[in-house]
């Protein structure tokens, strides 16, 4: 039972949302970015290097972890 709880906490830690500092778009890994071919469950760190904000077009370097 404790192992399952630990696994759940680790999964939640890695499913962090990231917010665009230019337009405030929030990348949610639980949703992904289907319009760009990014499947649900894709972590921000695993997005392709050339992925861009779907609203304003800036790169991943313009995103910050969202405070939850």
N, C-alpha and C. Protein backbone atom coordinates (compact mmCIF):
# COMPACT_ATOMS: atom_id res chain seq x y z
N UNK A 1 0.82 -1.19 0.00
CA UNK A 1 0.00 0.00 0.00
C UNK A 1 0.86 1.26 0.00
N UNK A 2 1.90 1.30 0.80
CA UNK A 2 2.77 2.46 0.84
C UNK A 2 3.46 2.70 -0.49
N UNK A 3 3.81 1.64 -1.19
CA UNK A 3 4.46 1.78 -2.49
C UNK A 3 3.53 2.46 -3.48
N UNK A 4 2.27 2.11 -3.47
CA UNK A 4 1.31 2.73 -4.38
C UNK A 4 1.16 4.22 -4.08
N UNK A 5 1.14 4.58 -2.83
CA UNK A 5 1.03 5.99 -2.46
C UNK A 5 2.27 6.74 -2.94
N UNK A 6 3.43 6.18 -2.73
CA UNK A 6 4.66 6.80 -3.18
C UNK A 6 4.65 6.98 -4.69
N UNK A 7 4.26 5.95 -5.43
CA UNK A 7 4.19 6.06 -6.88
C UNK A 7 3.24 7.17 -7.29
N UNK A 8 2.11 7.28 -6.63
CA UNK A 8 1.14 8.31 -6.96
C UNK A 8 1.73 9.70 -6.73
N UNK A 9 2.45 9.89 -5.63
CA UNK A 9 3.07 11.18 -5.34
C UNK A 9 4.14 11.52 -6.37
N UNK A 10 4.92 10.55 -6.79
CA UNK A 10 5.94 10.78 -7.80
C UNK A 10 5.28 11.16 -9.13
N UNK A 11 4.23 10.49 -9.50
CA UNK A 11 3.53 10.80 -10.75
C UNK A 11 2.99 12.22 -10.71
N UNK A 12 2.37 12.60 -9.60
CA UNK A 12 1.84 13.95 -9.48
C UNK A 12 2.94 15.00 -9.54
N UNK A 13 4.09 14.71 -8.96
CA UNK A 13 5.22 15.64 -8.99
C UNK A 13 5.66 15.89 -10.43
N UNK A 14 5.70 14.85 -11.23
CA UNK A 14 6.19 14.99 -12.59
C UNK A 14 5.15 15.56 -13.55
N UNK A 15 3.89 15.59 -13.15
CA UNK A 15 2.85 16.10 -14.03
C UNK A 15 2.61 17.59 -13.79
N UNK A 16 3.70 18.33 -13.62
CA UNK A 16 3.60 19.76 -13.36
C UNK A 16 3.13 20.51 -14.61
N UNK A 17 2.38 21.56 -14.36
CA UNK A 17 1.92 22.44 -15.44
C UNK A 17 2.95 23.54 -15.62
N UNK A 18 3.07 24.03 -16.84
CA UNK A 18 3.99 25.11 -17.16
C UNK A 18 3.22 26.24 -17.81
N UNK A 19 3.55 27.48 -17.43
CA UNK A 19 2.83 28.65 -17.90
C UNK A 19 3.72 29.51 -18.79
N UNK A 20 3.18 29.92 -19.92
CA UNK A 20 3.89 30.81 -20.83
C UNK A 20 3.99 32.19 -20.19
N UNK A 21 5.20 32.73 -20.13
CA UNK A 21 5.40 34.04 -19.51
C UNK A 21 4.99 35.19 -20.43
N UNK A 22 4.68 34.88 -21.68
CA UNK A 22 4.28 35.92 -22.64
C UNK A 22 2.76 36.08 -22.68
N UNK A 23 2.05 34.94 -22.80
CA UNK A 23 0.59 35.03 -22.99
C UNK A 23 -0.23 34.33 -21.91
N UNK A 24 0.43 33.70 -20.95
CA UNK A 24 -0.23 33.00 -19.83
C UNK A 24 -0.90 31.68 -20.21
N UNK A 25 -0.63 31.16 -21.41
CA UNK A 25 -1.11 29.82 -21.77
C UNK A 25 -0.50 28.82 -20.79
N UNK A 26 -1.28 27.85 -20.36
CA UNK A 26 -0.79 26.83 -19.43
C UNK A 26 -0.73 25.49 -20.15
N UNK A 27 0.47 24.91 -20.20
CA UNK A 27 0.61 23.56 -20.75
C UNK A 27 0.32 22.58 -19.63
N UNK A 28 -0.69 21.76 -19.84
CA UNK A 28 -1.10 20.75 -18.87
C UNK A 28 -0.78 19.38 -19.45
N UNK A 29 0.17 18.65 -18.86
CA UNK A 29 0.55 17.36 -19.42
C UNK A 29 -0.57 16.33 -19.42
N UNK A 30 -1.57 16.51 -18.57
CA UNK A 30 -2.70 15.59 -18.58
C UNK A 30 -3.54 15.75 -19.84
N UNK A 31 -3.47 16.93 -20.45
CA UNK A 31 -4.22 17.22 -21.68
C UNK A 31 -3.33 17.11 -22.91
N UNK A 32 -2.07 17.53 -22.76
CA UNK A 32 -1.16 17.56 -23.91
C UNK A 32 -1.47 18.76 -24.78
N UNK A 33 -1.16 18.65 -26.05
CA UNK A 33 -1.47 19.70 -27.04
C UNK A 33 -1.90 18.98 -28.31
N UNK A 34 -3.15 18.48 -28.31
CA UNK A 34 -3.61 17.65 -29.43
C UNK A 34 -3.52 18.33 -30.79
N UNK A 35 -3.69 19.65 -30.84
CA UNK A 35 -3.61 20.35 -32.11
C UNK A 35 -2.20 20.33 -32.70
N UNK A 36 -1.22 20.11 -31.84
CA UNK A 36 0.18 20.02 -32.29
C UNK A 36 0.68 18.58 -32.30
N UNK A 37 -0.23 17.63 -32.09
CA UNK A 37 0.15 16.22 -32.11
C UNK A 37 0.78 15.73 -30.82
N UNK A 38 0.63 16.48 -29.73
CA UNK A 38 1.19 16.09 -28.44
C UNK A 38 0.12 15.36 -27.65
N UNK A 39 0.36 14.11 -27.35
CA UNK A 39 -0.62 13.26 -26.68
C UNK A 39 -0.74 13.57 -25.20
N UNK A 40 -1.92 13.33 -24.62
CA UNK A 40 -2.07 13.46 -23.17
C UNK A 40 -1.05 12.57 -22.46
N UNK A 41 -0.53 13.07 -21.34
CA UNK A 41 0.48 12.33 -20.59
C UNK A 41 1.90 12.71 -20.94
N UNK A 42 2.08 13.60 -21.93
CA UNK A 42 3.42 14.03 -22.33
C UNK A 42 3.90 15.12 -21.38
N UNK A 43 4.97 14.83 -20.66
CA UNK A 43 5.54 15.81 -19.75
C UNK A 43 6.14 16.98 -20.51
N UNK A 44 6.16 18.14 -19.87
CA UNK A 44 6.73 19.33 -20.51
C UNK A 44 8.16 19.06 -20.95
N UNK A 45 8.92 18.40 -20.10
CA UNK A 45 10.32 18.10 -20.40
C UNK A 45 10.47 17.21 -21.63
N UNK A 46 9.42 16.46 -21.97
CA UNK A 46 9.47 15.54 -23.10
C UNK A 46 8.91 16.14 -24.39
N UNK A 47 8.48 17.40 -24.34
CA UNK A 47 8.00 18.04 -25.58
C UNK A 47 9.17 18.19 -26.54
N UNK A 48 8.90 18.13 -27.84
CA UNK A 48 9.99 18.31 -28.81
C UNK A 48 10.66 19.67 -28.63
N UNK A 49 11.93 19.76 -28.95
CA UNK A 49 12.69 21.01 -28.80
C UNK A 49 12.07 22.15 -29.59
N UNK A 50 11.42 21.82 -30.70
CA UNK A 50 10.84 22.87 -31.55
C UNK A 50 9.37 23.15 -31.24
N UNK A 51 8.84 22.56 -30.16
CA UNK A 51 7.45 22.83 -29.79
C UNK A 51 7.33 24.30 -29.42
N UNK A 52 6.20 24.91 -29.79
CA UNK A 52 5.96 26.33 -29.52
C UNK A 52 4.60 26.50 -28.86
N UNK A 53 4.48 27.56 -28.09
CA UNK A 53 3.22 27.89 -27.45
C UNK A 53 2.14 27.98 -28.53
N UNK A 54 1.03 27.27 -28.35
CA UNK A 54 -0.01 27.29 -29.37
C UNK A 54 -0.75 28.63 -29.49
N UNK A 55 -0.60 29.49 -28.51
CA UNK A 55 -1.27 30.79 -28.59
C UNK A 55 -0.40 31.91 -29.15
N UNK A 56 0.86 31.98 -28.69
CA UNK A 56 1.69 33.11 -29.12
C UNK A 56 2.94 32.70 -29.89
N UNK A 57 3.26 31.40 -29.92
CA UNK A 57 4.35 30.92 -30.76
C UNK A 57 5.75 30.96 -30.16
N UNK A 58 5.90 31.35 -28.88
CA UNK A 58 7.24 31.36 -28.30
C UNK A 58 7.67 29.94 -27.94
N UNK A 59 8.97 29.76 -27.75
CA UNK A 59 9.51 28.44 -27.45
C UNK A 59 9.39 28.06 -25.99
N UNK A 60 9.81 26.83 -25.70
CA UNK A 60 9.73 26.27 -24.35
C UNK A 60 10.51 27.10 -23.33
N UNK A 61 11.53 27.81 -23.78
CA UNK A 61 12.35 28.59 -22.86
C UNK A 61 11.60 29.77 -22.25
N UNK A 62 10.42 30.08 -22.78
CA UNK A 62 9.60 31.17 -22.25
C UNK A 62 8.54 30.67 -21.27
N UNK A 63 8.64 29.43 -20.84
CA UNK A 63 7.68 28.83 -19.91
C UNK A 63 8.32 28.67 -18.53
N UNK A 64 7.48 28.79 -17.50
CA UNK A 64 7.91 28.57 -16.13
C UNK A 64 6.96 27.59 -15.46
N UNK A 65 7.48 26.86 -14.47
CA UNK A 65 6.61 25.96 -13.70
C UNK A 65 5.51 26.79 -13.05
N UNK A 66 4.30 26.27 -13.14
CA UNK A 66 3.18 26.97 -12.53
C UNK A 66 3.10 26.61 -11.06
N UNK A 67 2.90 27.58 -10.21
CA UNK A 67 2.71 27.33 -8.78
C UNK A 67 1.35 26.69 -8.58
N UNK A 68 1.37 25.54 -7.88
CA UNK A 68 0.10 24.83 -7.69
C UNK A 68 -0.27 24.80 -6.25
